[in-house]
Amino acid sequence: MSKVKKNIYDVLRGGFLINESSFKNWRMIFFIVVLLLIMISSAHSSDKKVLEISELNKLKRELRAIYIDTQTTLMRMKMESNIRQRAKMTGLQPSKTPPKRIKVINNE
């Protein structure tokens, strides 16, 4: 059997884990496993944050629509014609005499 085939069989069978210099191999395997776990956890964390951002953007759009709708309703309520109409319902009428200005002169 050639040396390349022997090395491939040794890796496939796991012989590199049980020979004399296996301590170096185990340390490298543990290091790689720790790196993989960190990578997987960071991927899950970033996916969770992406979902949270998309939900917050959806909520922001809904709240903005409610704000615009409320602002439009308020503008309609503040129109002079609506105020006059509501005042008529309660029995109030516009004044027939215009308001007078009061000037205060301070002699100090």
N, C-alpha and C. Protein backbone atom coordinates (compact mmCIF):
# COMPACT_ATOMS: atom_id res chain seq x y z
N MET A 1 0.84 -1.17 0.00
CA MET A 1 0.00 0.00 0.00
C MET A 1 0.90 1.24 0.00
N SER A 2 0.54 2.22 -0.81
CA SER A 2 1.38 3.42 -0.90
C SER A 2 1.18 4.27 0.35
N LYS A 3 2.09 5.20 0.54
CA LYS A 3 2.07 6.04 1.73
C LYS A 3 0.85 6.97 1.72
N VAL A 4 0.44 7.46 0.55
CA VAL A 4 -0.71 8.35 0.44
C VAL A 4 -1.98 7.60 0.84
N LYS A 5 -2.15 6.36 0.33
CA LYS A 5 -3.32 5.56 0.68
C LYS A 5 -3.34 5.27 2.17
N LYS A 6 -2.16 4.96 2.73
CA LYS A 6 -2.08 4.66 4.15
C LYS A 6 -2.50 5.88 4.99
N ASN A 7 -2.07 7.06 4.60
CA ASN A 7 -2.43 8.27 5.33
C ASN A 7 -3.93 8.56 5.21
N ILE A 8 -4.49 8.34 4.03
CA ILE A 8 -5.93 8.57 3.85
C ILE A 8 -6.72 7.60 4.71
N TYR A 9 -6.34 6.31 4.69
CA TYR A 9 -7.02 5.32 5.53
C TYR A 9 -6.87 5.65 7.01
N ASP A 10 -5.71 6.13 7.37
CA ASP A 10 -5.45 6.48 8.77
C ASP A 10 -6.38 7.62 9.20
N VAL A 11 -6.57 8.61 8.34
CA VAL A 11 -7.45 9.73 8.67
C VAL A 11 -8.91 9.25 8.73
N LEU A 12 -9.32 8.44 7.76
CA LEU A 12 -10.70 7.97 7.73
C LEU A 12 -11.05 7.07 8.91
N ARG A 13 -10.12 6.26 9.35
CA ARG A 13 -10.36 5.38 10.49
C ARG A 13 -10.22 6.10 11.83
N GLY A 14 -9.60 7.24 11.83
CA GLY A 14 -9.41 7.96 13.08
C GLY A 14 -8.13 7.57 13.77
N GLY A 15 -7.23 6.98 13.07
CA GLY A 15 -5.95 6.55 13.65
C GLY A 15 -5.12 7.72 14.15
N PHE A 16 -5.31 8.88 13.56
CA PHE A 16 -4.55 10.05 14.00
C PHE A 16 -4.96 10.50 15.39
N LEU A 17 -6.07 9.97 15.89
CA LEU A 17 -6.52 10.35 17.23
C LEU A 17 -5.98 9.43 18.32
N ILE A 18 -5.47 8.26 17.93
CA ILE A 18 -5.04 7.30 18.96
C ILE A 18 -3.55 6.99 18.94
N ASN A 19 -2.80 7.60 18.06
CA ASN A 19 -1.36 7.32 18.05
C ASN A 19 -0.64 8.14 19.11
N GLU A 20 0.69 8.04 19.15
CA GLU A 20 1.46 8.67 20.22
C GLU A 20 1.37 10.19 20.23
N SER A 21 1.33 10.80 19.07
CA SER A 21 1.31 12.27 19.01
C SER A 21 -0.13 12.80 18.90
N SER A 22 -1.08 12.03 19.44
CA SER A 22 -2.48 12.43 19.30
C SER A 22 -2.85 13.63 20.18
N PHE A 23 -2.06 13.91 21.21
CA PHE A 23 -2.39 15.05 22.08
C PHE A 23 -2.41 16.36 21.29
N LYS A 24 -1.45 16.52 20.38
CA LYS A 24 -1.42 17.71 19.54
C LYS A 24 -2.67 17.75 18.65
N ASN A 25 -3.08 16.62 18.15
CA ASN A 25 -4.26 16.55 17.28
C ASN A 25 -5.53 16.89 18.07
N TRP A 26 -5.63 16.36 19.29
CA TRP A 26 -6.84 16.64 20.10
C TRP A 26 -6.95 18.13 20.43
N ARG A 27 -5.80 18.74 20.74
CA ARG A 27 -5.84 20.18 21.01
C ARG A 27 -6.33 20.96 19.80
N MET A 28 -5.86 20.61 18.62
CA MET A 28 -6.28 21.29 17.40
C MET A 28 -7.77 21.03 17.14
N ILE A 29 -8.24 19.82 17.36
CA ILE A 29 -9.65 19.48 17.16
C ILE A 29 -10.53 20.28 18.12
N PHE A 30 -10.14 20.36 19.39
CA PHE A 30 -10.91 21.14 20.36
C PHE A 30 -10.95 22.62 19.96
N PHE A 31 -9.81 23.13 19.49
CA PHE A 31 -9.75 24.52 19.06
C PHE A 31 -10.70 24.77 17.89
N ILE A 32 -10.69 23.87 16.92
CA ILE A 32 -11.56 24.00 15.75
C ILE A 32 -13.03 23.88 16.16
N VAL A 33 -13.34 22.97 17.09
CA VAL A 33 -14.73 22.81 17.55
C VAL A 33 -15.19 24.08 18.26
N VAL A 34 -14.35 24.67 19.08
CA VAL A 34 -14.71 25.91 19.77
C VAL A 34 -14.95 27.03 18.76
N LEU A 35 -14.09 27.13 17.75
CA LEU A 35 -14.29 28.14 16.72
C LEU A 35 -15.60 27.90 15.96
N LEU A 36 -15.92 26.66 15.67
CA LEU A 36 -17.17 26.34 14.98
C LEU A 36 -18.38 26.71 15.84
N LEU A 37 -18.31 26.43 17.14
CA LEU A 37 -19.42 26.78 18.02
C LEU A 37 -19.61 28.30 18.09
N ILE A 38 -18.50 29.02 18.15
CA ILE A 38 -18.60 30.48 18.17
C ILE A 38 -19.20 30.99 16.87
N MET A 39 -18.80 30.41 15.75
CA MET A 39 -19.32 30.82 14.45
C MET A 39 -20.82 30.54 14.35
N ILE A 40 -21.24 29.37 14.80
CA ILE A 40 -22.66 29.02 14.75
C ILE A 40 -23.48 29.94 15.64
N SER A 41 -23.00 30.21 16.85
CA SER A 41 -23.76 31.07 17.76
C SER A 41 -23.84 32.50 17.22
N SER A 42 -22.77 32.99 16.61
CA SER A 42 -22.83 34.35 16.05
C SER A 42 -23.77 34.40 14.84
N ALA A 43 -23.84 33.33 14.06
CA ALA A 43 -24.77 33.29 12.92
C ALA A 43 -26.21 33.31 13.42
N HIS A 44 -26.49 32.53 14.47
CA HIS A 44 -27.85 32.53 15.03
C HIS A 44 -28.20 33.91 15.61
N SER A 45 -27.23 34.51 16.28
CA SER A 45 -27.46 35.83 16.87
C SER A 45 -27.74 36.86 15.79
N SER A 46 -26.99 36.83 14.71
CA SER A 46 -27.22 37.81 13.64
C SER A 46 -28.56 37.56 12.95
N ASP A 47 -28.95 36.30 12.77
CA ASP A 47 -30.27 36.00 12.20
C ASP A 47 -31.39 36.54 13.08
N LYS A 48 -31.24 36.35 14.39
CA LYS A 48 -32.24 36.85 15.33
C LYS A 48 -32.34 38.37 15.26
N LYS A 49 -31.20 39.04 15.14
CA LYS A 49 -31.20 40.50 15.05
C LYS A 49 -31.83 40.98 13.75
N VAL A 50 -31.59 40.27 12.66
CA VAL A 50 -32.20 40.64 11.37
C VAL A 50 -33.72 40.53 11.46
N LEU A 51 -34.22 39.45 12.08
CA LEU A 51 -35.66 39.29 12.24
C LEU A 51 -36.23 40.40 13.13
N GLU A 52 -35.54 40.74 14.19
CA GLU A 52 -36.01 41.80 15.09
C GLU A 52 -36.04 43.15 14.37
N ILE A 53 -35.03 43.41 13.56
CA ILE A 53 -34.99 44.67 12.81
C ILE A 53 -36.14 44.74 11.82
N SER A 54 -36.44 43.63 11.14
CA SER A 54 -37.54 43.65 10.18
C SER A 54 -38.89 43.85 10.88
N GLU A 55 -39.06 43.25 12.05
CA GLU A 55 -40.31 43.46 12.80
C GLU A 55 -40.42 44.90 13.29
N LEU A 56 -39.31 45.49 13.72
CA LEU A 56 -39.33 46.88 14.17
C LEU A 56 -39.62 47.83 13.00
N ASN A 57 -39.08 47.52 11.83
CA ASN A 57 -39.38 48.35 10.66
C ASN A 57 -40.86 48.27 10.29
N LYS A 58 -41.43 47.08 10.40
CA LYS A 58 -42.85 46.91 10.11
C LYS A 58 -43.69 47.71 11.12
N LEU A 59 -43.33 47.64 12.39
CA LEU A 59 -44.03 48.40 13.43
C LEU A 59 -43.89 49.90 13.19
N LYS A 60 -42.68 50.33 12.76
CA LYS A 60 -42.45 51.75 12.49
C LYS A 60 -43.35 52.23 11.36
N ARG A 61 -43.49 51.43 10.30
CA ARG A 61 -44.36 51.82 9.19
C ARG A 61 -45.82 51.92 9.64
N GLU A 62 -46.25 50.97 10.48
CA GLU A 62 -47.63 51.01 10.99
C GLU A 62 -47.87 52.25 11.85
N LEU A 63 -46.93 52.54 12.75
CA LEU A 63 -47.07 53.71 13.62
C LEU A 63 -47.03 55.00 12.82
N ARG A 64 -46.21 55.04 11.79
CA ARG A 64 -46.16 56.24 10.93
C ARG A 64 -47.50 56.44 10.22
N ALA A 65 -48.11 55.34 9.75
CA ALA A 65 -49.41 55.45 9.09
C ALA A 65 -50.47 55.96 10.07
N ILE A 66 -50.43 55.45 11.30
CA ILE A 66 -51.38 55.92 12.32
C ILE A 66 -51.15 57.40 12.61
N TYR A 67 -49.88 57.81 12.71
CA TYR A 67 -49.55 59.22 12.98
C TYR A 67 -50.09 60.12 11.86
N ILE A 68 -49.87 59.72 10.62
CA ILE A 68 -50.34 60.54 9.49
C ILE A 68 -51.86 60.61 9.48
N ASP A 69 -52.51 59.49 9.76
CA ASP A 69 -53.98 59.46 9.80
C ASP A 69 -54.50 60.37 10.91
N THR A 70 -53.89 60.32 12.08
CA THR A 70 -54.30 61.15 13.21
C THR A 70 -54.05 62.63 12.90
N GLN A 71 -52.92 62.93 12.27
CA GLN A 71 -52.60 64.30 11.93
C GLN A 71 -53.62 64.85 10.91
N THR A 72 -54.02 64.03 9.94
CA THR A 72 -55.02 64.45 8.96
C THR A 72 -56.35 64.73 9.64
N THR A 73 -56.75 63.85 10.54
CA THR A 73 -58.00 64.05 11.28
C THR A 73 -57.96 65.34 12.09
N LEU A 74 -56.84 65.59 12.74
CA LEU A 74 -56.69 66.81 13.53
C LEU A 74 -56.78 68.06 12.65
N MET A 75 -56.14 68.01 11.49
CA MET A 75 -56.19 69.17 10.59
C MET A 75 -57.63 69.43 10.13
N ARG A 76 -58.38 68.38 9.88
CA ARG A 76 -59.77 68.56 9.48
C ARG A 76 -60.59 69.14 10.64
N MET A 77 -60.30 68.70 11.86
CA MET A 77 -61.03 69.21 13.02
C MET A 77 -60.71 70.68 13.27
N LYS A 78 -59.52 71.14 12.93
CA LYS A 78 -59.10 72.52 13.18
C LYS A 78 -59.57 73.49 12.10
N MET A 79 -60.15 72.98 11.03
CA MET A 79 -60.61 73.88 9.96
C MET A 79 -61.73 74.77 10.48
N GLU A 80 -61.74 76.02 10.02
CA GLU A 80 -62.70 77.01 10.51
C GLU A 80 -64.14 76.57 10.24
N SER A 81 -64.38 75.96 9.09
CA SER A 81 -65.76 75.53 8.77
C SER A 81 -66.25 74.47 9.76
N ASN A 82 -65.38 73.55 10.16
CA ASN A 82 -65.79 72.53 11.14
C ASN A 82 -66.02 73.16 12.51
N ILE A 83 -65.19 74.11 12.88
CA ILE A 83 -65.37 74.76 14.18
C ILE A 83 -66.68 75.55 14.21
N ARG A 84 -66.98 76.27 13.12
CA ARG A 84 -68.25 77.00 13.06
C ARG A 84 -69.44 76.05 13.14
N GLN A 85 -69.33 74.93 12.44
CA GLN A 85 -70.44 73.96 12.45
C GLN A 85 -70.65 73.39 13.85
N ARG A 86 -69.60 73.05 14.55
CA ARG A 86 -69.75 72.52 15.91
C ARG A 86 -70.24 73.60 16.87
N ALA A 87 -69.81 74.86 16.64
CA ALA A 87 -70.27 75.95 17.50
C ALA A 87 -71.77 76.18 17.29
N LYS A 88 -72.26 76.05 16.06
CA LYS A 88 -73.69 76.21 15.79
C LYS A 88 -74.50 75.14 16.51
N MET A 89 -73.97 73.93 16.58
CA MET A 89 -74.68 72.83 17.26
C MET A 89 -74.86 73.15 18.74
N THR A 90 -73.90 73.82 19.33
CA THR A 90 -74.01 74.15 20.76
C THR A 90 -74.72 75.48 20.99
N GLY A 91 -75.06 76.19 19.91
CA GLY A 91 -75.80 77.45 20.06
C GLY A 91 -74.93 78.68 20.03
N LEU A 92 -73.66 78.55 19.78
CA LEU A 92 -72.77 79.71 19.71
C LEU A 92 -72.80 80.29 18.30
N GLN A 93 -72.67 81.63 18.23
CA GLN A 93 -72.65 82.30 16.94
C GLN A 93 -71.47 83.25 16.90
N PRO A 94 -71.00 83.57 15.69
CA PRO A 94 -69.89 84.52 15.62
C PRO A 94 -70.32 85.90 16.10
N SER A 95 -69.39 86.65 16.63
CA SER A 95 -69.67 88.00 17.14
C SER A 95 -69.99 88.94 15.99
N LYS A 96 -70.94 89.83 16.21
CA LYS A 96 -71.32 90.78 15.17
C LYS A 96 -70.42 92.01 15.19
N THR A 97 -69.80 92.30 16.34
CA THR A 97 -68.88 93.43 16.43
C THR A 97 -67.46 92.89 16.47
N PRO A 98 -66.55 93.52 15.75
CA PRO A 98 -65.18 93.03 15.74
C PRO A 98 -64.49 93.28 17.08
N PRO A 99 -63.48 92.52 17.41
CA PRO A 99 -62.76 92.72 18.67
C PRO A 99 -61.97 94.03 18.65
N LYS A 100 -61.76 94.61 19.82
CA LYS A 100 -61.00 95.86 19.95
C LYS A 100 -59.65 95.54 20.57
N ARG A 101 -58.65 96.29 20.12
CA ARG A 101 -57.32 96.11 20.67
C ARG A 101 -57.18 96.92 21.95
N ILE A 102 -56.50 96.36 22.89
CA ILE A 102 -56.23 97.05 24.15
C ILE A 102 -54.72 97.29 24.18
N LYS A 103 -54.33 98.55 24.28
CA LYS A 103 -52.93 98.90 24.36
C LYS A 103 -52.58 99.22 25.80
N VAL A 104 -51.51 98.62 26.25
CA VAL A 104 -51.02 98.87 27.61
C VAL A 104 -49.74 99.67 27.48
N ILE A 105 -49.72 100.83 28.08
CA ILE A 105 -48.53 101.68 28.04
C ILE A 105 -47.89 101.62 29.41
N ASN A 106 -46.66 101.24 29.43
CA ASN A 106 -45.91 101.09 30.67
C ASN A 106 -45.01 102.31 30.84
N ASN A 107 -45.23 103.11 31.86
CA ASN A 107 -44.45 104.34 32.08
C ASN A 107 -43.39 104.10 33.16
N GLU A 108 -42.44 103.34 32.88
CA GLU A 108 -41.37 103.12 33.87
C GLU A 108 -40.08 103.71 33.45
